[in-house]
Amino acid sequence: MTSSSRPPSRPRLAVFVFLGVYPLVTLALYGLAPMTEGWTIWQRNLVMVPIIVVSMIWVIIPRIHRHFGRWL
């Protein structure tokens, strides 16, 4: 088995995903707060979670694999 065919290390992938998602969630919270003032938490999450999921699937995780794949 070559190093490129082995599955990524889950702990390392988790660290890289955390480092990508944490700033995104923080920015989303600050960005959405003024527009969703007075909304309940479930309503804010209904807007924020799809943004985070789409960003993870099509932006964050592919970039992690592309740029840090050899460390995973």
N, C-alpha and C. Protein backbone atom coordinates (compact mmCIF):
# COMPACT_ATOMS: atom_id res chain seq x y z
N MET A 1 0.85 -1.18 0.00
CA MET A 1 0.00 0.00 0.00
C MET A 1 0.89 1.24 0.00
N THR A 2 0.66 2.16 -0.91
CA THR A 2 1.46 3.39 -0.97
C THR A 2 0.88 4.43 -0.04
N SER A 3 1.68 5.45 0.25
CA SER A 3 1.22 6.47 1.19
C SER A 3 0.04 7.26 0.63
N SER A 4 -0.09 7.36 -0.70
CA SER A 4 -1.19 8.12 -1.27
C SER A 4 -2.50 7.34 -1.26
N SER A 5 -2.45 6.01 -1.06
CA SER A 5 -3.68 5.23 -1.07
C SER A 5 -4.21 4.94 0.33
N ARG A 6 -3.46 5.31 1.35
CA ARG A 6 -3.97 5.06 2.70
C ARG A 6 -4.98 6.14 3.09
N PRO A 7 -5.95 5.77 3.91
CA PRO A 7 -6.94 6.78 4.32
C PRO A 7 -6.30 7.83 5.23
N PRO A 8 -6.87 9.03 5.24
CA PRO A 8 -6.30 10.09 6.09
C PRO A 8 -6.44 9.77 7.57
N SER A 9 -5.52 10.27 8.36
CA SER A 9 -5.59 10.12 9.81
C SER A 9 -6.78 10.95 10.31
N ARG A 10 -7.68 10.31 10.99
CA ARG A 10 -8.87 11.02 11.49
C ARG A 10 -8.54 12.14 12.47
N PRO A 11 -7.63 11.90 13.42
CA PRO A 11 -7.30 13.00 14.34
C PRO A 11 -6.69 14.21 13.61
N ARG A 12 -5.79 13.97 12.66
CA ARG A 12 -5.19 15.08 11.92
C ARG A 12 -6.23 15.79 11.06
N LEU A 13 -7.08 15.02 10.39
CA LEU A 13 -8.14 15.62 9.59
C LEU A 13 -9.06 16.46 10.47
N ALA A 14 -9.38 15.95 11.65
CA ALA A 14 -10.24 16.69 12.58
C ALA A 14 -9.61 18.02 12.96
N VAL A 15 -8.30 18.03 13.19
CA VAL A 15 -7.61 19.28 13.55
C VAL A 15 -7.69 20.27 12.39
N PHE A 16 -7.41 19.81 11.17
CA PHE A 16 -7.44 20.70 10.02
C PHE A 16 -8.86 21.20 9.73
N VAL A 17 -9.86 20.34 9.90
CA VAL A 17 -11.25 20.77 9.70
C VAL A 17 -11.62 21.80 10.77
N PHE A 18 -11.23 21.57 12.00
CA PHE A 18 -11.48 22.54 13.06
C PHE A 18 -10.87 23.89 12.71
N LEU A 19 -9.61 23.87 12.24
CA LEU A 19 -8.92 25.11 11.90
C LEU A 19 -9.58 25.83 10.72
N GLY A 20 -10.27 25.09 9.87
CA GLY A 20 -10.98 25.72 8.76
C GLY A 20 -12.38 26.16 9.11
N VAL A 21 -13.06 25.38 9.95
CA VAL A 21 -14.46 25.65 10.26
C VAL A 21 -14.62 26.70 11.36
N TYR A 22 -13.75 26.69 12.35
CA TYR A 22 -13.89 27.64 13.47
C TYR A 22 -13.94 29.10 13.00
N PRO A 23 -12.99 29.53 12.16
CA PRO A 23 -13.08 30.93 11.70
C PRO A 23 -14.33 31.19 10.88
N LEU A 24 -14.75 30.21 10.08
CA LEU A 24 -15.96 30.37 9.27
C LEU A 24 -17.19 30.53 10.16
N VAL A 25 -17.32 29.71 11.17
CA VAL A 25 -18.47 29.81 12.09
C VAL A 25 -18.44 31.15 12.82
N THR A 26 -17.26 31.55 13.28
CA THR A 26 -17.13 32.81 14.00
C THR A 26 -17.54 33.99 13.11
N LEU A 27 -17.02 34.00 11.87
CA LEU A 27 -17.38 35.08 10.95
C LEU A 27 -18.87 35.05 10.61
N ALA A 28 -19.43 33.86 10.43
CA ALA A 28 -20.86 33.74 10.13
C ALA A 28 -21.70 34.28 11.29
N LEU A 29 -21.29 33.96 12.51
CA LEU A 29 -22.05 34.46 13.67
C LEU A 29 -22.01 35.99 13.74
N TYR A 30 -20.83 36.56 13.55
CA TYR A 30 -20.71 38.02 13.56
C TYR A 30 -21.45 38.65 12.39
N GLY A 31 -21.39 38.01 11.23
CA GLY A 31 -22.04 38.56 10.05
C GLY A 31 -23.55 38.46 10.08
N LEU A 32 -24.06 37.36 10.63
CA LEU A 32 -25.50 37.16 10.68
C LEU A 32 -26.17 37.86 11.87
N ALA A 33 -25.42 38.12 12.91
CA ALA A 33 -26.01 38.70 14.13
C ALA A 33 -26.80 39.97 13.87
N PRO A 34 -26.26 40.95 13.13
CA PRO A 34 -27.04 42.18 12.91
C PRO A 34 -28.31 41.94 12.07
N MET A 35 -28.24 40.98 11.16
CA MET A 35 -29.40 40.72 10.28
C MET A 35 -30.45 39.84 10.94
N THR A 36 -30.05 39.12 12.00
CA THR A 36 -30.99 38.19 12.64
C THR A 36 -31.25 38.58 14.09
N GLU A 37 -31.09 39.85 14.39
CA GLU A 37 -31.33 40.33 15.75
C GLU A 37 -32.79 40.06 16.13
N GLY A 38 -32.97 39.48 17.28
CA GLY A 38 -34.32 39.16 17.75
C GLY A 38 -34.80 37.78 17.33
N TRP A 39 -34.05 37.08 16.48
CA TRP A 39 -34.42 35.73 16.08
C TRP A 39 -34.05 34.75 17.19
N THR A 40 -34.76 33.64 17.25
CA THR A 40 -34.39 32.59 18.20
C THR A 40 -33.18 31.84 17.64
N ILE A 41 -32.53 31.07 18.50
CA ILE A 41 -31.31 30.37 18.11
C ILE A 41 -31.58 29.37 16.98
N TRP A 42 -32.73 28.68 17.00
CA TRP A 42 -32.99 27.71 15.94
C TRP A 42 -33.18 28.40 14.60
N GLN A 43 -33.70 29.61 14.58
CA GLN A 43 -33.87 30.34 13.33
C GLN A 43 -32.51 30.80 12.78
N ARG A 44 -31.64 31.27 13.66
CA ARG A 44 -30.28 31.64 13.22
C ARG A 44 -29.54 30.43 12.69
N ASN A 45 -29.67 29.31 13.39
CA ASN A 45 -28.99 28.09 12.94
C ASN A 45 -29.55 27.59 11.61
N LEU A 46 -30.83 27.81 11.38
CA LEU A 46 -31.44 27.39 10.12
C LEU A 46 -30.81 28.14 8.94
N VAL A 47 -30.34 29.33 9.17
CA VAL A 47 -29.64 30.11 8.13
C VAL A 47 -28.16 29.75 8.10
N MET A 48 -27.54 29.62 9.27
CA MET A 48 -26.10 29.46 9.34
C MET A 48 -25.63 28.05 8.96
N VAL A 49 -26.32 27.01 9.39
CA VAL A 49 -25.86 25.64 9.18
C VAL A 49 -25.72 25.31 7.69
N PRO A 50 -26.67 25.65 6.82
CA PRO A 50 -26.44 25.36 5.40
C PRO A 50 -25.22 26.08 4.83
N ILE A 51 -24.95 27.29 5.28
CA ILE A 51 -23.76 28.02 4.84
C ILE A 51 -22.50 27.26 5.25
N ILE A 52 -22.47 26.78 6.47
CA ILE A 52 -21.31 26.06 6.98
C ILE A 52 -21.14 24.73 6.25
N VAL A 53 -22.22 23.98 6.07
CA VAL A 53 -22.14 22.67 5.42
C VAL A 53 -21.67 22.81 3.97
N VAL A 54 -22.26 23.74 3.23
CA VAL A 54 -21.85 23.95 1.84
C VAL A 54 -20.38 24.37 1.77
N SER A 55 -19.98 25.24 2.66
CA SER A 55 -18.59 25.68 2.69
C SER A 55 -17.64 24.53 3.01
N MET A 56 -18.04 23.67 3.92
CA MET A 56 -17.20 22.53 4.28
C MET A 56 -17.06 21.56 3.11
N ILE A 57 -18.18 21.23 2.46
CA ILE A 57 -18.17 20.21 1.41
C ILE A 57 -17.46 20.69 0.16
N TRP A 58 -17.71 21.93 -0.25
CA TRP A 58 -17.17 22.39 -1.53
C TRP A 58 -15.96 23.32 -1.43
N VAL A 59 -15.60 23.77 -0.22
CA VAL A 59 -14.46 24.68 -0.10
C VAL A 59 -13.43 24.16 0.89
N ILE A 60 -13.80 24.01 2.14
CA ILE A 60 -12.83 23.72 3.19
C ILE A 60 -12.19 22.34 3.06
N ILE A 61 -12.99 21.29 3.01
CA ILE A 61 -12.44 19.94 2.97
C ILE A 61 -11.65 19.68 1.68
N PRO A 62 -12.13 20.09 0.50
CA PRO A 62 -11.28 19.90 -0.69
C PRO A 62 -9.94 20.64 -0.60
N ARG A 63 -9.94 21.83 -0.04
CA ARG A 63 -8.68 22.57 0.11
C ARG A 63 -7.75 21.91 1.12
N ILE A 64 -8.33 21.36 2.18
CA ILE A 64 -7.50 20.64 3.15
C ILE A 64 -6.83 19.46 2.47
N HIS A 65 -7.60 18.69 1.70
CA HIS A 65 -7.01 17.53 1.01
C HIS A 65 -5.97 17.97 -0.02
N ARG A 66 -6.23 19.05 -0.73
CA ARG A 66 -5.31 19.52 -1.75
C ARG A 66 -4.01 20.06 -1.16
N HIS A 67 -4.13 20.87 -0.11
CA HIS A 67 -2.95 21.55 0.41
C HIS A 67 -2.24 20.78 1.54
N PHE A 68 -2.97 19.97 2.27
CA PHE A 68 -2.39 19.29 3.42
C PHE A 68 -2.50 17.78 3.34
N GLY A 69 -2.84 17.25 2.18
CA GLY A 69 -3.05 15.82 2.01
C GLY A 69 -1.87 14.96 2.44
N ARG A 70 -0.68 15.44 2.19
CA ARG A 70 0.50 14.62 2.56
C ARG A 70 0.68 14.53 4.07
N TRP A 71 0.12 15.46 4.84
CA TRP A 71 0.23 15.41 6.28
C TRP A 71 -0.90 14.63 6.93
N LEU A 72 -1.92 14.36 6.16
CA LEU A 72 -3.05 13.62 6.71
C LEU A 72 -2.71 12.15 6.76
